[in-house]
N, C-alpha and C. Protein backbone atom coordinates (compact mmCIF):
# COMPACT_ATOMS: atom_id res chain seq x y z
N UNK A 1 0.90 -1.28 -0.05
CA UNK A 1 -0.17 0.27 -0.11
C UNK A 1 0.87 1.13 0.31
N UNK A 2 0.12 2.09 -0.51
CA UNK A 2 1.30 3.56 -0.62
C UNK A 2 1.51 4.22 1.10
N UNK A 3 2.34 5.19 0.93
CA UNK A 3 2.15 5.44 2.58
C UNK A 3 1.15 6.15 2.95
N UNK A 4 1.06 6.86 1.95
CA UNK A 4 -0.71 7.92 2.44
C UNK A 4 -1.87 7.27 2.87
N UNK A 5 -1.80 6.54 2.40
CA UNK A 5 -3.10 4.81 2.87
C UNK A 5 -2.89 5.15 4.12
N UNK A 6 -1.68 4.90 5.15
CA UNK A 6 -2.03 5.04 6.04
C UNK A 6 -2.32 5.91 6.81
N UNK A 7 -2.23 7.06 6.91
CA UNK A 7 -2.10 8.66 7.19
C UNK A 7 -3.66 8.63 7.02
N UNK A 8 -4.34 8.40 5.72
CA UNK A 8 -5.64 8.94 5.26
C UNK A 8 -6.46 7.65 6.38
N UNK A 9 -6.21 6.33 6.65
CA UNK A 9 -7.00 5.72 6.82
C UNK A 9 -7.15 5.89 9.43
N UNK A 10 -6.14 6.60 9.46
CA UNK A 10 -5.73 7.40 10.68
C UNK A 10 -6.78 7.91 10.75
N UNK A 11 -7.22 9.24 10.09
CA UNK A 11 -8.16 10.09 9.67
C UNK A 11 -8.88 9.54 10.14
N UNK A 12 -9.69 8.70 8.59
CA UNK A 12 -10.82 8.04 8.87
C UNK A 12 -11.23 6.97 9.11
N UNK A 13 -10.70 6.60 10.09
CA UNK A 13 -10.66 5.00 10.95
C UNK A 13 -11.93 5.55 12.00
N UNK A 14 -13.14 4.50 12.17
CA UNK A 14 -14.22 4.68 13.04
C UNK A 14 -14.24 3.92 13.76
N UNK A 15 -13.30 2.67 14.33
CA UNK A 15 -13.21 2.16 15.64
C UNK A 15 -12.08 1.88 15.71
N UNK A 16 -11.69 1.62 16.94
CA UNK A 16 -10.45 2.02 17.87
C UNK A 16 -9.11 0.63 17.24
N UNK A 17 -9.72 -0.27 16.61
CA UNK A 17 -8.44 -1.43 16.36
C UNK A 17 -8.57 -0.85 14.87
N UNK A 18 -9.37 -0.53 13.76
CA UNK A 18 -8.51 0.52 12.92
C UNK A 18 -7.30 1.29 13.09
N UNK A 19 -8.17 2.26 13.68
CA UNK A 19 -6.98 3.48 14.03
C UNK A 19 -5.63 2.75 14.84
N UNK A 20 -5.79 2.12 15.65
CA UNK A 20 -4.32 1.33 16.15
C UNK A 20 -3.62 1.07 15.14
N UNK A 21 -4.42 0.01 14.26
CA UNK A 21 -3.32 -0.77 13.19
C UNK A 21 -2.63 0.63 12.19
N UNK A 22 -4.06 1.25 12.03
CA UNK A 22 -3.10 2.27 10.72
C UNK A 22 -2.09 3.53 11.47
N UNK A 23 -1.80 3.60 12.78
CA UNK A 23 -1.43 4.38 13.13
C UNK A 23 -0.27 3.73 13.12
N UNK A 24 0.06 2.33 13.50
CA UNK A 24 1.17 1.43 13.83
C UNK A 24 2.09 1.84 12.65
N UNK A 25 1.19 1.41 11.38
CA UNK A 25 1.66 1.04 10.07
C UNK A 25 2.50 2.39 9.74
N UNK A 26 1.94 3.42 10.14
CA UNK A 26 2.36 4.79 9.60
C UNK A 26 3.08 4.97 10.69
N UNK A 27 3.24 4.54 11.96
CA UNK A 27 4.50 4.81 12.64
C UNK A 27 6.02 4.25 11.83
N UNK A 28 5.42 2.74 11.76
CA UNK A 28 6.69 1.67 11.70
C UNK A 28 7.57 2.47 10.03
N UNK A 29 6.15 3.06 9.48
CA UNK A 29 6.79 3.36 8.04
C UNK A 29 7.94 4.75 8.01
N UNK A 30 7.52 5.63 9.06
CA UNK A 30 8.53 6.39 9.42
C UNK A 30 9.69 6.11 10.12
N UNK A 31 9.76 5.51 10.56
CA UNK A 31 11.03 4.66 11.44
C UNK A 31 11.81 4.61 10.21
N UNK A 32 11.38 3.46 9.08
CA UNK A 32 12.06 3.02 7.90
C UNK A 32 12.61 4.21 7.54
N UNK A 33 11.89 5.22 7.60
CA UNK A 33 12.30 6.50 6.79
C UNK A 33 13.18 7.15 7.51
N UNK A 34 13.08 7.41 8.42
CA UNK A 34 14.75 7.64 9.11
C UNK A 34 15.76 6.91 8.94
N UNK A 35 15.35 5.56 9.05
CA UNK A 35 16.59 4.60 8.62
C UNK A 35 17.27 4.54 7.26
N UNK A 36 16.80 5.13 6.03
CA UNK A 36 17.10 5.09 4.85
C UNK A 36 18.89 5.36 4.97
N UNK A 37 19.32 6.72 5.67
CA UNK A 37 20.65 7.09 5.52
C UNK A 37 21.28 6.58 6.50
N UNK A 38 21.15 4.98 6.62
CA UNK A 38 21.99 3.85 7.72
C UNK A 38 23.01 4.31 8.08
N UNK A 39 24.01 4.48 7.35
CA UNK A 39 25.74 4.91 7.27
C UNK A 39 25.90 5.45 8.63
N UNK A 40 25.30 6.93 8.91
CA UNK A 40 25.83 7.44 9.56
C UNK A 40 25.28 7.13 11.19
N UNK A 41 26.32 7.14 11.89
CA UNK A 41 25.73 6.90 13.36
C UNK A 41 24.57 7.40 14.07
N UNK A 42 24.64 8.90 13.75
CA UNK A 42 23.38 10.04 14.46
C UNK A 42 21.88 9.35 13.93
N UNK A 43 22.01 8.86 12.69
CA UNK A 43 20.80 8.49 12.00
C UNK A 43 20.42 6.89 12.48
N UNK A 44 21.42 6.20 12.78
CA UNK A 44 20.67 4.67 13.40
C UNK A 44 19.90 4.76 14.73
N UNK A 45 21.45 5.90 15.51
CA UNK A 45 20.24 6.43 16.97
C UNK A 45 19.05 7.01 16.82
N UNK A 46 18.93 7.85 15.62
CA UNK A 46 17.62 8.40 15.59
C UNK A 46 16.46 7.28 15.10
N UNK A 47 17.13 6.40 14.57
CA UNK A 47 15.85 5.33 13.91
C UNK A 47 15.94 4.49 15.20
N UNK A 48 16.30 4.37 15.58
CA UNK A 48 16.61 3.39 17.33
C UNK A 48 15.30 4.06 18.24
N UNK A 49 15.69 5.31 18.46
CA UNK A 49 14.53 6.43 19.47
C UNK A 49 13.04 6.52 18.89
N UNK A 50 13.43 6.32 17.67
CA UNK A 50 12.03 6.72 16.98
C UNK A 50 10.97 5.06 16.97
N UNK A 51 11.88 4.16 16.71
CA UNK A 51 11.30 2.49 17.18
C UNK A 51 10.83 2.75 18.47
N UNK A 52 11.42 2.80 19.53
CA UNK A 52 11.78 3.22 20.70
C UNK A 52 10.30 3.81 21.30
N UNK A 53 10.27 5.03 20.73
CA UNK A 53 9.15 6.17 21.02
C UNK A 53 7.50 5.67 20.76
N UNK A 54 7.30 4.85 19.07
CA UNK A 54 6.74 4.29 18.74
C UNK A 54 5.98 3.24 19.85
N UNK A 55 7.10 2.08 19.93
CA UNK A 55 6.86 1.13 21.15
C UNK A 55 5.69 1.74 21.92
N UNK A 56 6.57 2.97 22.41
CA UNK A 56 6.04 3.67 23.96
C UNK A 56 4.95 3.81 23.87
N UNK A 57 4.74 4.70 22.68
CA UNK A 57 3.45 5.25 22.51
C UNK A 57 2.12 4.32 22.06
N UNK A 58 2.34 2.93 21.41
CA UNK A 58 1.32 2.57 21.19
C UNK A 58 1.15 1.79 22.54
N UNK A 59 1.85 1.34 23.43
CA UNK A 59 1.76 0.87 24.43
C UNK A 59 0.36 2.02 25.23
N UNK A 60 0.94 3.14 25.27
CA UNK A 60 -0.42 3.97 25.79
C UNK A 60 -1.58 4.01 24.90
N UNK A 61 -1.60 3.99 23.40
CA UNK A 61 -2.77 4.02 23.00
C UNK A 61 -3.51 2.90 23.25
N UNK A 62 -2.70 1.95 23.12
CA UNK A 62 -3.41 0.44 23.46
C UNK A 62 -3.99 0.44 24.65
N UNK A 63 -3.41 0.63 25.94
CA UNK A 63 -3.77 0.89 27.11
C UNK A 63 -4.82 1.83 27.14
N UNK A 64 -5.08 2.93 26.88
CA UNK A 64 -6.38 3.61 26.75
C UNK A 64 -7.41 3.15 26.08
N UNK A 65 -7.14 2.52 25.12
CA UNK A 65 -8.02 2.36 24.03
C UNK A 65 -9.03 0.99 24.48
N UNK A 66 -8.08 0.29 24.99
CA UNK A 66 -8.75 -0.71 26.22
C UNK A 66 -9.73 -0.78 27.07
N UNK A 67 -8.94 0.37 27.83
CA UNK A 67 -9.54 0.59 29.43
C UNK A 67 -10.91 1.24 28.44
N UNK A 68 -10.81 2.19 27.08
CA UNK A 68 -12.59 2.29 26.99
C UNK A 68 -13.24 1.94 26.49
N UNK A 69 -12.79 0.64 25.81
CA UNK A 69 -13.85 -0.36 25.11
C UNK A 69 -13.88 -1.11 26.44
N UNK A 70 -13.61 -1.52 27.68
CA UNK A 70 -13.77 -1.78 28.98
C UNK A 70 -15.05 -1.36 29.33
N UNK A 71 -14.98 0.39 29.44
CA UNK A 71 -16.23 1.54 30.05
C UNK A 71 -17.25 0.75 29.16
N UNK A 72 -17.23 0.60 27.87
CA UNK A 72 -18.04 1.46 26.83
C UNK A 72 -18.73 0.34 26.31
N UNK A 73 -18.00 -0.51 26.05
CA UNK A 73 -17.70 -2.27 25.14
C UNK A 73 -18.25 -2.59 23.82
N UNK A 74 -18.03 -1.26 23.53
CA UNK A 74 -17.51 -0.81 22.23
C UNK A 74 -16.13 -0.90 21.60
N UNK A 75 -16.04 -1.10 20.09
CA UNK A 75 -14.64 -0.36 19.51
C UNK A 75 -14.73 0.44 19.06
N UNK A 76 -15.86 0.86 18.54
CA UNK A 76 -17.06 2.46 17.64
C UNK A 76 -16.03 3.54 18.09
N UNK A 77 -15.25 4.50 17.52
CA UNK A 77 -14.70 5.59 18.58
C UNK A 77 -16.26 6.43 18.57
N UNK A 78 -17.33 6.26 17.45
CA UNK A 78 -18.30 7.28 18.22
C UNK A 78 -19.37 6.85 19.43
N UNK A 79 -18.96 5.74 20.16
CA UNK A 79 -19.90 5.07 21.29
C UNK A 79 -18.95 5.48 22.39
N UNK A 80 -17.85 6.18 22.57
CA UNK A 80 -16.69 6.27 23.36
C UNK A 80 -17.20 8.04 23.69
N UNK A 81 -18.34 7.77 24.84
CA UNK A 81 -18.93 9.43 25.68
C UNK A 81 -17.96 9.00 27.32
N UNK A 82 -16.86 9.54 27.35
CA UNK A 82 -16.59 9.29 28.74
C UNK A 82 -16.32 10.67 29.12
N UNK A 83 -17.32 10.75 30.31
CA UNK A 83 -17.40 12.47 30.71
C UNK A 83 -17.12 11.54 32.21
N UNK A 84 -16.39 12.89 32.82
CA UNK A 84 -16.49 13.15 34.46
C UNK A 84 -14.96 12.91 34.72
N UNK A 85 -15.00 12.90 35.70
CA UNK A 85 -13.10 12.67 36.28
C UNK A 85 -12.70 11.21 36.28
N UNK A 86 -13.18 10.24 36.40
CA UNK A 86 -12.48 8.94 35.72
C UNK A 86 -12.13 8.27 34.40
N UNK A 87 -12.67 9.56 33.88
CA UNK A 87 -12.30 9.03 32.51
C UNK A 87 -11.26 10.43 32.15
N UNK A 88 -10.53 11.24 32.88
CA UNK A 88 -9.71 11.88 32.45
C UNK A 88 -8.59 11.25 32.66
N UNK A 89 -8.14 10.15 33.69
CA UNK A 89 -6.95 9.91 33.67
C UNK A 89 -6.23 8.88 32.62
N UNK A 90 -7.29 7.97 31.86
CA UNK A 90 -6.90 7.44 30.10
C UNK A 90 -6.98 8.60 29.36
N UNK A 91 -7.66 9.98 29.10
CA UNK A 91 -6.92 10.68 28.63
C UNK A 91 -6.20 11.28 28.62
N UNK A 92 -5.62 11.31 29.88
CA UNK A 92 -4.24 12.20 29.61
C UNK A 92 -3.08 10.75 29.26
N UNK A 93 -3.55 9.78 29.70
CA UNK A 93 -2.91 8.70 29.29
C UNK A 93 -2.54 8.64 27.95
N UNK A 94 -3.99 8.85 27.05
CA UNK A 94 -3.42 8.97 25.70
C UNK A 94 -2.83 10.18 25.22
N UNK A 95 -2.89 11.26 25.89
CA UNK A 95 -1.64 12.54 25.21
C UNK A 95 -0.75 12.54 26.10
N UNK A 96 -0.18 11.52 26.91
CA UNK A 96 0.99 11.14 26.95
C UNK A 96 1.91 9.91 25.74
N UNK A 97 0.94 9.06 25.61
CA UNK A 97 1.22 8.40 24.39
C UNK A 97 1.97 9.07 23.21
N UNK A 98 0.76 10.18 22.44
CA UNK A 98 1.23 11.05 21.65
C UNK A 98 2.59 11.94 21.84
N UNK A 99 2.31 12.31 22.84
CA UNK A 99 3.71 13.38 23.47
C UNK A 99 4.85 12.44 23.43
N UNK A 100 4.81 11.15 24.03
CA UNK A 100 6.34 10.34 23.86
C UNK A 100 6.70 10.32 22.07
N UNK A 101 5.22 9.78 21.47
CA UNK A 101 6.02 9.62 20.02
C UNK A 101 6.26 11.12 19.28
N UNK A 102 5.86 12.15 19.97
CA UNK A 102 6.06 13.70 19.33
C UNK A 102 7.53 13.96 19.42
N UNK A 103 8.20 13.41 20.33
CA UNK A 103 9.58 13.77 20.72
C UNK A 103 9.79 14.34 22.44
N UNK A 104 8.48 14.22 22.89
CA UNK A 104 8.51 14.51 24.53
C UNK A 104 9.20 13.55 25.48
N UNK A 105 9.88 12.42 24.96
CA UNK A 105 10.42 11.17 25.55
C UNK A 105 11.62 11.75 26.18
N UNK A 106 11.42 11.48 28.11
CA UNK A 106 12.81 11.95 28.77
C UNK A 106 14.16 11.27 28.65
N UNK A 107 14.10 9.98 27.96
CA UNK A 107 14.89 9.49 27.34
C UNK A 107 15.75 9.72 26.39
N UNK A 108 15.29 10.89 25.73
CA UNK A 108 15.83 11.33 24.22
C UNK A 108 17.55 11.56 24.93
N UNK A 109 17.27 12.71 25.79
CA UNK A 109 18.59 13.05 26.29
C UNK A 109 19.65 12.09 26.63
N UNK A 110 19.47 11.17 27.49
CA UNK A 110 20.45 10.27 28.19
C UNK A 110 20.68 9.29 26.75
N UNK A 111 19.62 8.72 25.70
CA UNK A 111 20.34 8.10 24.44
C UNK A 111 21.55 8.85 23.83
N UNK A 112 21.23 10.10 23.14
CA UNK A 112 22.06 11.08 23.06
C UNK A 112 23.55 10.85 23.07
N UNK A 113 23.50 10.93 24.51
CA UNK A 113 24.70 11.10 25.40
C UNK A 113 25.25 10.19 25.57
N UNK A 114 24.96 8.64 25.66
CA UNK A 114 25.87 7.43 25.54
C UNK A 114 26.52 7.72 24.72
């Protein structure tokens, strides 16, 4: 499939499983794109950081989606009406997962120093 297909699937996903699979494929393709110039040591390090960030981000998203499914018994994103204080924590977890993948991962500094 063309690379833009997965980007479109992320936006058009009607349920959490489709969204998660499309997001994962899109993320892995971006890691491959980073790793194409693998001869430079910094590029190899960047590709590994990208791969680690996608793993952590996927874990956050999967946990949040599993929690939402347990609360609503549905995978459809339109059925997820999470209101109130108990739903605040998973929402923050989802934002944390997106932040990890966006480069707000605290281990970036440590990996670049080593």
